[in-house]
Full PDB file with SEQRES, HELIX, SHEET, SSBOND, CRYST1, ORIGX, SCALE, CONECT and MASTER records, all heavy atoms in Angstrom:
SEQRES   1 A   32  VAL GLN LEU VAL GLU SER GLY GLY GLY LEU VAL GLN ALA          
SEQRES   2 A   32  GLY GLY SER LEU ARG LEU SER CYS ALA ALA SER GLY ARG          
SEQRES   3 A   32  THR PHE SER ASN TYR GLY                                      
HELIX    1 AA1 PHE A   28  ASN A   30  5                                   3    
SHEET    1 AA1 2 GLN A   2  SER A   6  0                                        
SHEET    2 AA1 2 SER A  20  SER A  24 -1                                        
CRYST1    1.000    1.000    1.000  90.00  90.00  90.00 P 1           1          
ORIGX1      1.000000  0.000000  0.000000        0.00000                         
ORIGX2      0.000000  1.000000  0.000000        0.00000                         
ORIGX3      0.000000  0.000000  1.000000        0.00000                         
SCALE1      1.000000  0.000000  0.000000        0.00000                         
SCALE2      0.000000  1.000000  0.000000        0.00000                         
SCALE3      0.000000  0.000000  1.000000        0.00000                         
ATOM      1  N   VAL A   1       0.864  -1.171   0.000  1.00  0.00           N  
ATOM      2  CA  VAL A   1       0.000   0.000   0.000  1.00  0.00           C  
ATOM      3  C   VAL A   1       0.904   1.226   0.000  1.00  0.00           C  
ATOM      4  O   VAL A   1       1.804   1.336   0.833  1.00  0.00           O  
ATOM      5  CB  VAL A   1      -0.921   0.023   1.226  1.00  0.00           C  
ATOM      6  CG1 VAL A   1      -1.723   1.315   1.260  1.00  0.00           C  
ATOM      7  CG2 VAL A   1      -1.856  -1.184   1.229  1.00  0.00           C  
ATOM      8  N   GLN A   2       0.664   2.114  -0.931  1.00  0.00           N  
ATOM      9  CA  GLN A   2       1.399   3.365  -0.970  1.00  0.00           C  
ATOM     10  C   GLN A   2       0.512   4.467  -0.399  1.00  0.00           C  
ATOM     11  O   GLN A   2      -0.669   4.562  -0.763  1.00  0.00           O  
ATOM     12  CB  GLN A   2       1.810   3.721  -2.398  1.00  0.00           C  
ATOM     13  CG  GLN A   2       2.856   2.796  -2.992  1.00  0.00           C  
ATOM     14  CD  GLN A   2       2.261   1.474  -3.481  1.00  0.00           C  
ATOM     15  OE1 GLN A   2       1.193   1.444  -4.079  1.00  0.00           O  
ATOM     16  NE2 GLN A   2       2.961   0.387  -3.204  1.00  0.00           N  
ATOM     17  N   LEU A   3       1.096   5.276   0.460  1.00  0.00           N  
ATOM     18  CA  LEU A   3       0.351   6.345   1.130  1.00  0.00           C  
ATOM     19  C   LEU A   3       1.052   7.678   0.875  1.00  0.00           C  
ATOM     20  O   LEU A   3       2.272   7.779   1.061  1.00  0.00           O  
ATOM     21  CB  LEU A   3       0.273   6.083   2.628  1.00  0.00           C  
ATOM     22  CG  LEU A   3      -0.391   4.765   3.050  1.00  0.00           C  
ATOM     23  CD1 LEU A   3      -0.233   4.547   4.547  1.00  0.00           C  
ATOM     24  CD2 LEU A   3      -1.855   4.747   2.658  1.00  0.00           C  
ATOM     25  N   VAL A   4       0.270   8.673   0.481  1.00  0.00           N  
ATOM     26  CA  VAL A   4       0.827   9.995   0.203  1.00  0.00           C  
ATOM     27  C   VAL A   4      -0.003  11.043   0.940  1.00  0.00           C  
ATOM     28  O   VAL A   4      -1.191  11.224   0.634  1.00  0.00           O  
ATOM     29  CB  VAL A   4       0.851  10.299  -1.302  1.00  0.00           C  
ATOM     30  CG1 VAL A   4       1.415  11.695  -1.541  1.00  0.00           C  
ATOM     31  CG2 VAL A   4       1.661   9.244  -2.049  1.00  0.00           C  
ATOM     32  N   GLU A   5       0.635  11.717   1.890  1.00  0.00           N  
ATOM     33  CA  GLU A   5      -0.037  12.767   2.649  1.00  0.00           C  
ATOM     34  C   GLU A   5       0.089  14.108   1.941  1.00  0.00           C  
ATOM     35  O   GLU A   5       1.051  14.350   1.204  1.00  0.00           O  
ATOM     36  CB  GLU A   5       0.556  12.910   4.053  1.00  0.00           C  
ATOM     37  CG  GLU A   5       0.518  11.676   4.919  1.00  0.00           C  
ATOM     38  CD  GLU A   5       1.827  10.911   4.894  1.00  0.00           C  
ATOM     39  OE1 GLU A   5       2.568  11.044   3.885  1.00  0.00           O  
ATOM     40  OE2 GLU A   5       2.116  10.204   5.867  1.00  0.00           O  
ATOM     41  N   SER A   6      -0.865  14.972   2.205  1.00  0.00           N  
ATOM     42  CA  SER A   6      -0.827  16.348   1.709  1.00  0.00           C  
ATOM     43  C   SER A   6      -1.650  17.211   2.648  1.00  0.00           C  
ATOM     44  O   SER A   6      -2.404  16.704   3.482  1.00  0.00           O  
ATOM     45  CB  SER A   6      -1.360  16.435   0.281  1.00  0.00           C  
ATOM     46  OG  SER A   6      -2.708  16.004   0.229  1.00  0.00           O  
ATOM     47  N   GLY A   7      -1.490  18.517   2.495  1.00  0.00           N  
ATOM     48  CA  GLY A   7      -2.312  19.452   3.244  1.00  0.00           C  
ATOM     49  C   GLY A   7      -1.623  20.134   4.405  1.00  0.00           C  
ATOM     50  O   GLY A   7      -2.215  20.993   5.056  1.00  0.00           O  
ATOM     51  N   GLY A   8      -0.375  19.764   4.663  1.00  0.00           N  
ATOM     52  CA  GLY A   8       0.340  20.434   5.737  1.00  0.00           C  
ATOM     53  C   GLY A   8       0.691  21.859   5.367  1.00  0.00           C  
ATOM     54  O   GLY A   8       0.496  22.306   4.229  1.00  0.00           O  
ATOM     55  N   GLY A   9       1.205  22.595   6.346  1.00  0.00           N  
ATOM     56  CA  GLY A   9       1.596  23.970   6.086  1.00  0.00           C  
ATOM     57  C   GLY A   9       1.763  24.746   7.365  1.00  0.00           C  
ATOM     58  O   GLY A   9       1.842  24.174   8.462  1.00  0.00           O  
ATOM     59  N   LEU A  10       1.818  26.054   7.207  1.00  0.00           N  
ATOM     60  CA  LEU A  10       1.984  26.974   8.330  1.00  0.00           C  
ATOM     61  C   LEU A  10       0.651  27.655   8.617  1.00  0.00           C  
ATOM     62  O   LEU A  10       0.014  28.180   7.699  1.00  0.00           O  
ATOM     63  CB  LEU A  10       3.052  28.013   8.004  1.00  0.00           C  
ATOM     64  CG  LEU A  10       3.252  29.140   9.022  1.00  0.00           C  
ATOM     65  CD1 LEU A  10       3.741  28.574  10.349  1.00  0.00           C  
ATOM     66  CD2 LEU A  10       4.235  30.167   8.469  1.00  0.00           C  
ATOM     67  N   VAL A  11       0.260  27.646   9.874  1.00  0.00           N  
ATOM     68  CA  VAL A  11      -1.002  28.252  10.259  1.00  0.00           C  
ATOM     69  C   VAL A  11      -0.830  28.914  11.620  1.00  0.00           C  
ATOM     70  O   VAL A  11       0.000  28.479  12.426  1.00  0.00           O  
ATOM     71  CB  VAL A  11      -2.128  27.195  10.288  1.00  0.00           C  
ATOM     72  CG1 VAL A  11      -1.865  26.141  11.348  1.00  0.00           C  
ATOM     73  CG2 VAL A  11      -3.497  27.832  10.468  1.00  0.00           C  
ATOM     74  N   GLN A  12      -1.595  29.942  11.864  1.00  0.00           N  
ATOM     75  CA  GLN A  12      -1.546  30.596  13.168  1.00  0.00           C  
ATOM     76  C   GLN A  12      -2.345  29.799  14.194  1.00  0.00           C  
ATOM     77  O   GLN A  12      -3.280  29.061  13.842  1.00  0.00           O  
ATOM     78  CB  GLN A  12      -2.099  32.010  13.081  1.00  0.00           C  
ATOM     79  CG  GLN A  12      -1.191  32.983  12.361  1.00  0.00           C  
ATOM     80  CD  GLN A  12      -1.681  34.424  12.475  1.00  0.00           C  
ATOM     81  OE1 GLN A  12      -2.871  34.664  12.576  1.00  0.00           O  
ATOM     82  NE2 GLN A  12      -0.753  35.364  12.444  1.00  0.00           N  
ATOM     83  N   ALA A  13      -1.988  29.967  15.444  1.00  0.00           N  
ATOM     84  CA  ALA A  13      -2.736  29.312  16.517  1.00  0.00           C  
ATOM     85  C   ALA A  13      -4.216  29.689  16.411  1.00  0.00           C  
ATOM     86  O   ALA A  13      -4.564  30.841  16.131  1.00  0.00           O  
ATOM     87  CB  ALA A  13      -2.177  29.723  17.867  1.00  0.00           C  
ATOM     88  N   GLY A  14      -5.056  28.690  16.602  1.00  0.00           N  
ATOM     89  CA  GLY A  14      -6.485  28.885  16.461  1.00  0.00           C  
ATOM     90  C   GLY A  14      -7.017  28.582  15.082  1.00  0.00           C  
ATOM     91  O   GLY A  14      -8.232  28.493  14.880  1.00  0.00           O  
ATOM     92  N   GLY A  15      -6.113  28.418  14.131  1.00  0.00           N  
ATOM     93  CA  GLY A  15      -6.510  28.139  12.760  1.00  0.00           C  
ATOM     94  C   GLY A  15      -6.793  26.663  12.517  1.00  0.00           C  
ATOM     95  O   GLY A  15      -6.772  25.845  13.438  1.00  0.00           O  
ATOM     96  N   SER A  16      -7.041  26.355  11.249  1.00  0.00           N  
ATOM     97  CA  SER A  16      -7.410  25.000  10.855  1.00  0.00           C  
ATOM     98  C   SER A  16      -6.602  24.538   9.663  1.00  0.00           C  
ATOM     99  O   SER A  16      -6.166  25.354   8.835  1.00  0.00           O  
ATOM    100  CB  SER A  16      -8.897  24.939  10.491  1.00  0.00           C  
ATOM    101  OG  SER A  16      -9.717  25.269  11.584  1.00  0.00           O  
ATOM    102  N   LEU A  17      -6.420  23.242   9.580  1.00  0.00           N  
ATOM    103  CA  LEU A  17      -5.838  22.590   8.413  1.00  0.00           C  
ATOM    104  C   LEU A  17      -6.549  21.265   8.202  1.00  0.00           C  
ATOM    105  O   LEU A  17      -7.030  20.653   9.160  1.00  0.00           O  
ATOM    106  CB  LEU A  17      -4.338  22.323   8.606  1.00  0.00           C  
ATOM    107  CG  LEU A  17      -3.355  23.468   8.458  1.00  0.00           C  
ATOM    108  CD1 LEU A  17      -1.954  22.997   8.828  1.00  0.00           C  
ATOM    109  CD2 LEU A  17      -3.363  24.021   7.050  1.00  0.00           C  
ATOM    110  N   ARG A  18      -6.568  20.823   6.969  1.00  0.00           N  
ATOM    111  CA  ARG A  18      -7.125  19.512   6.651  1.00  0.00           C  
ATOM    112  C   ARG A  18      -6.059  18.699   5.943  1.00  0.00           C  
ATOM    113  O   ARG A  18      -5.628  19.065   4.843  1.00  0.00           O  
ATOM    114  CB  ARG A  18      -8.350  19.626   5.760  1.00  0.00           C  
ATOM    115  CG  ARG A  18      -9.083  18.301   5.554  1.00  0.00           C  
ATOM    116  CD  ARG A  18     -10.041  18.390   4.398  1.00  0.00           C  
ATOM    117  NE  ARG A  18     -11.028  17.330   4.400  1.00  0.00           N  
ATOM    118  CZ  ARG A  18     -11.722  16.965   3.317  1.00  0.00           C  
ATOM    119  NH1 ARG A  18     -11.541  17.608   2.172  1.00  0.00           N  
ATOM    120  NH2 ARG A  18     -12.620  15.990   3.399  1.00  0.00           N  
ATOM    121  N   LEU A  19      -5.642  17.635   6.571  1.00  0.00           N  
ATOM    122  CA  LEU A  19      -4.680  16.732   5.962  1.00  0.00           C  
ATOM    123  C   LEU A  19      -5.408  15.638   5.191  1.00  0.00           C  
ATOM    124  O   LEU A  19      -6.467  15.176   5.605  1.00  0.00           O  
ATOM    125  CB  LEU A  19      -3.792  16.089   7.030  1.00  0.00           C  
ATOM    126  CG  LEU A  19      -3.047  17.034   7.967  1.00  0.00           C  
ATOM    127  CD1 LEU A  19      -2.140  16.233   8.894  1.00  0.00           C  
ATOM    128  CD2 LEU A  19      -2.254  18.066   7.200  1.00  0.00           C  
ATOM    129  N   SER A  20      -4.822  15.242   4.088  1.00  0.00           N  
ATOM    130  CA  SER A  20      -5.351  14.141   3.287  1.00  0.00           C  
ATOM    131  C   SER A  20      -4.268  13.080   3.138  1.00  0.00           C  
ATOM    132  O   SER A  20      -3.074  13.395   3.136  1.00  0.00           O  
ATOM    133  CB  SER A  20      -5.780  14.618   1.900  1.00  0.00           C  
ATOM    134  OG  SER A  20      -6.810  15.567   1.984  1.00  0.00           O  
ATOM    135  N   CYS A  21      -4.690  11.864   2.996  1.00  0.00           N  
ATOM    136  CA  CYS A  21      -3.768  10.760   2.770  1.00  0.00           C  
ATOM    137  C   CYS A  21      -4.391   9.861   1.705  1.00  0.00           C  
ATOM    138  O   CYS A  21      -5.405   9.205   1.953  1.00  0.00           O  
ATOM    139  CB  CYS A  21      -3.530   9.983   4.057  1.00  0.00           C  
ATOM    140  SG  CYS A  21      -2.556   8.466   3.856  1.00  0.00           S  
ATOM    141  N   ALA A  22      -3.787   9.869   0.530  1.00  0.00           N  
ATOM    142  CA  ALA A  22      -4.289   9.077  -0.587  1.00  0.00           C  
ATOM    143  C   ALA A  22      -3.570   7.740  -0.627  1.00  0.00           C  
ATOM    144  O   ALA A  22      -2.339   7.688  -0.583  1.00  0.00           O  
ATOM    145  CB  ALA A  22      -4.084   9.832  -1.890  1.00  0.00           C  
ATOM    146  N   ALA A  23      -4.342   6.680  -0.722  1.00  0.00           N  
ATOM    147  CA  ALA A  23      -3.781   5.331  -0.741  1.00  0.00           C  
ATOM    148  C   ALA A  23      -3.899   4.723  -2.127  1.00  0.00           C  
ATOM    149  O   ALA A  23      -4.829   5.012  -2.878  1.00  0.00           O  
ATOM    150  CB  ALA A  23      -4.508   4.455   0.271  1.00  0.00           C  
ATOM    151  N   SER A  24      -2.953   3.881  -2.446  1.00  0.00           N  
ATOM    152  CA  SER A  24      -3.004   3.109  -3.689  1.00  0.00           C  
ATOM    153  C   SER A  24      -2.382   1.753  -3.434  1.00  0.00           C  
ATOM    154  O   SER A  24      -1.615   1.566  -2.488  1.00  0.00           O  
ATOM    155  CB  SER A  24      -2.275   3.837  -4.823  1.00  0.00           C  
ATOM    156  OG  SER A  24      -0.911   4.021  -4.501  1.00  0.00           O  
ATOM    157  N   GLY A  25      -2.721   0.811  -4.282  1.00  0.00           N  
ATOM    158  CA  GLY A  25      -2.194  -0.535  -4.109  1.00  0.00           C  
ATOM    159  C   GLY A  25      -3.309  -1.492  -3.756  1.00  0.00           C  
ATOM    160  O   GLY A  25      -4.228  -1.678  -4.528  1.00  0.00           O  
ATOM    161  N   ARG A  26      -3.258  -2.045  -2.584  1.00  0.00           N  
ATOM    162  CA  ARG A  26      -4.248  -3.032  -2.173  1.00  0.00           C  
ATOM    163  C   ARG A  26      -5.566  -2.382  -1.779  1.00  0.00           C  
ATOM    164  O   ARG A  26      -5.672  -1.173  -1.687  1.00  0.00           O  
ATOM    165  CB  ARG A  26      -3.678  -3.874  -1.024  1.00  0.00           C  
ATOM    166  CG  ARG A  26      -2.475  -4.698  -1.454  1.00  0.00           C  
ATOM    167  CD  ARG A  26      -2.002  -5.629  -0.383  1.00  0.00           C  
ATOM    168  NE  ARG A  26      -0.895  -6.456  -0.858  1.00  0.00           N  
ATOM    169  CZ  ARG A  26      -0.246  -7.326  -0.107  1.00  0.00           C  
ATOM    170  NH1 ARG A  26      -0.616  -7.499   1.160  1.00  0.00           N  
ATOM    171  NH2 ARG A  26       0.741  -8.032  -0.604  1.00  0.00           N  
ATOM    172  N   THR A  27      -6.566  -3.204  -1.552  1.00  0.00           N  
ATOM    173  CA  THR A  27      -7.910  -2.715  -1.270  1.00  0.00           C  
ATOM    174  C   THR A  27      -7.919  -1.877   0.006  1.00  0.00           C  
ATOM    175  O   THR A  27      -7.654  -2.369   1.101  1.00  0.00           O  
ATOM    176  CB  THR A  27      -8.881  -3.893  -1.127  1.00  0.00           C  
ATOM    177  OG1 THR A  27      -8.829  -4.688  -2.311  1.00  0.00           O  
ATOM    178  CG2 THR A  27     -10.298  -3.371  -0.907  1.00  0.00           C  
ATOM    179  N   PHE A  28      -8.242  -0.601  -0.166  1.00  0.00           N  
ATOM    180  CA  PHE A  28      -8.181   0.360   0.934  1.00  0.00           C  
ATOM    181  C   PHE A  28      -9.086  -0.048   2.088  1.00  0.00           C  
ATOM    182  O   PHE A  28      -8.717   0.087   3.257  1.00  0.00           O  
ATOM    183  CB  PHE A  28      -8.564   1.727   0.377  1.00  0.00           C  
ATOM    184  CG  PHE A  28      -8.514   2.844   1.362  1.00  0.00           C  
ATOM    185  CD1 PHE A  28      -7.301   3.217   1.942  1.00  0.00           C  
ATOM    186  CD2 PHE A  28      -9.653   3.555   1.698  1.00  0.00           C  
ATOM    187  CE1 PHE A  28      -7.232   4.261   2.829  1.00  0.00           C  
ATOM    188  CE2 PHE A  28      -9.607   4.606   2.588  1.00  0.00           C  
ATOM    189  CZ  PHE A  28      -8.385   4.960   3.155  1.00  0.00           C  
ATOM    190  N   SER A  29     -10.256  -0.564   1.768  1.00  0.00           N  
ATOM    191  CA  SER A  29     -11.225  -0.878   2.823  1.00  0.00           C  
ATOM    192  C   SER A  29     -10.832  -2.108   3.648  1.00  0.00           C  
ATOM    193  O   SER A  29     -11.527  -2.453   4.607  1.00  0.00           O  
ATOM    194  CB  SER A  29     -12.623  -1.071   2.227  1.00  0.00           C  
ATOM    195  OG  SER A  29     -12.613  -2.114   1.280  1.00  0.00           O  
ATOM    196  N   ASN A  30      -9.746  -2.750   3.309  1.00  0.00           N  
ATOM    197  CA  ASN A  30      -9.250  -3.861   4.123  1.00  0.00           C  
ATOM    198  C   ASN A  30      -8.399  -3.387   5.300  1.00  0.00           C  
ATOM    199  O   ASN A  30      -7.954  -4.210   6.110  1.00  0.00           O  
ATOM    200  CB  ASN A  30      -8.411  -4.820   3.280  1.00  0.00           C  
ATOM    201  CG  ASN A  30      -9.274  -5.726   2.413  1.00  0.00           C  
ATOM    202  OD1 ASN A  30     -10.467  -5.880   2.656  1.00  0.00           O  
ATOM    203  ND2 ASN A  30      -8.675  -6.312   1.398  1.00  0.00           N  
ATOM    204  N   TYR A  31      -8.197  -2.082   5.379  1.00  0.00           N  
ATOM    205  CA  TYR A  31      -7.274  -1.537   6.367  1.00  0.00           C  
ATOM    206  C   TYR A  31      -7.937  -0.534   7.288  1.00  0.00           C  
ATOM    207  O   TYR A  31      -8.734   0.303   6.842  1.00  0.00           O  
ATOM    208  CB  TYR A  31      -6.097  -0.857   5.671  1.00  0.00           C  
ATOM    209  CG  TYR A  31      -5.212  -1.811   4.903  1.00  0.00           C  
ATOM    210  CD1 TYR A  31      -5.537  -2.202   3.613  1.00  0.00           C  
ATOM    211  CD2 TYR A  31      -4.064  -2.337   5.483  1.00  0.00           C  
ATOM    212  CE1 TYR A  31      -4.730  -3.095   2.913  1.00  0.00           C  
ATOM    213  CE2 TYR A  31      -3.252  -3.215   4.791  1.00  0.00           C  
ATOM    214  CZ  TYR A  31      -3.590  -3.594   3.517  1.00  0.00           C  
ATOM    215  OH  TYR A  31      -2.788  -4.471   2.835  1.00  0.00           O  
ATOM    216  N   GLY A  32      -7.565  -0.614   8.582  1.00  0.00           N  
ATOM    217  CA  GLY A  32      -7.791   0.521   9.439  1.00  0.00           C  
ATOM    218  C   GLY A  32      -6.713   1.552   9.116  1.00  0.00           C  
ATOM    219  O   GLY A  32      -5.653   1.219   8.577  1.00  0.00           O  
TER     220      GLY A  32                                                      
MASTER        0    0    0    1    2    0    0    6  219    1    0    3          
END                                                                             
């Protein structure tokens, strides 16, 4: 399974970010 994260960055305290992790390879739903 290959995993690629994105969405990081610099934010001020109190702010928000949304991280994503895209999977490829084996069946994603077989994994926690």
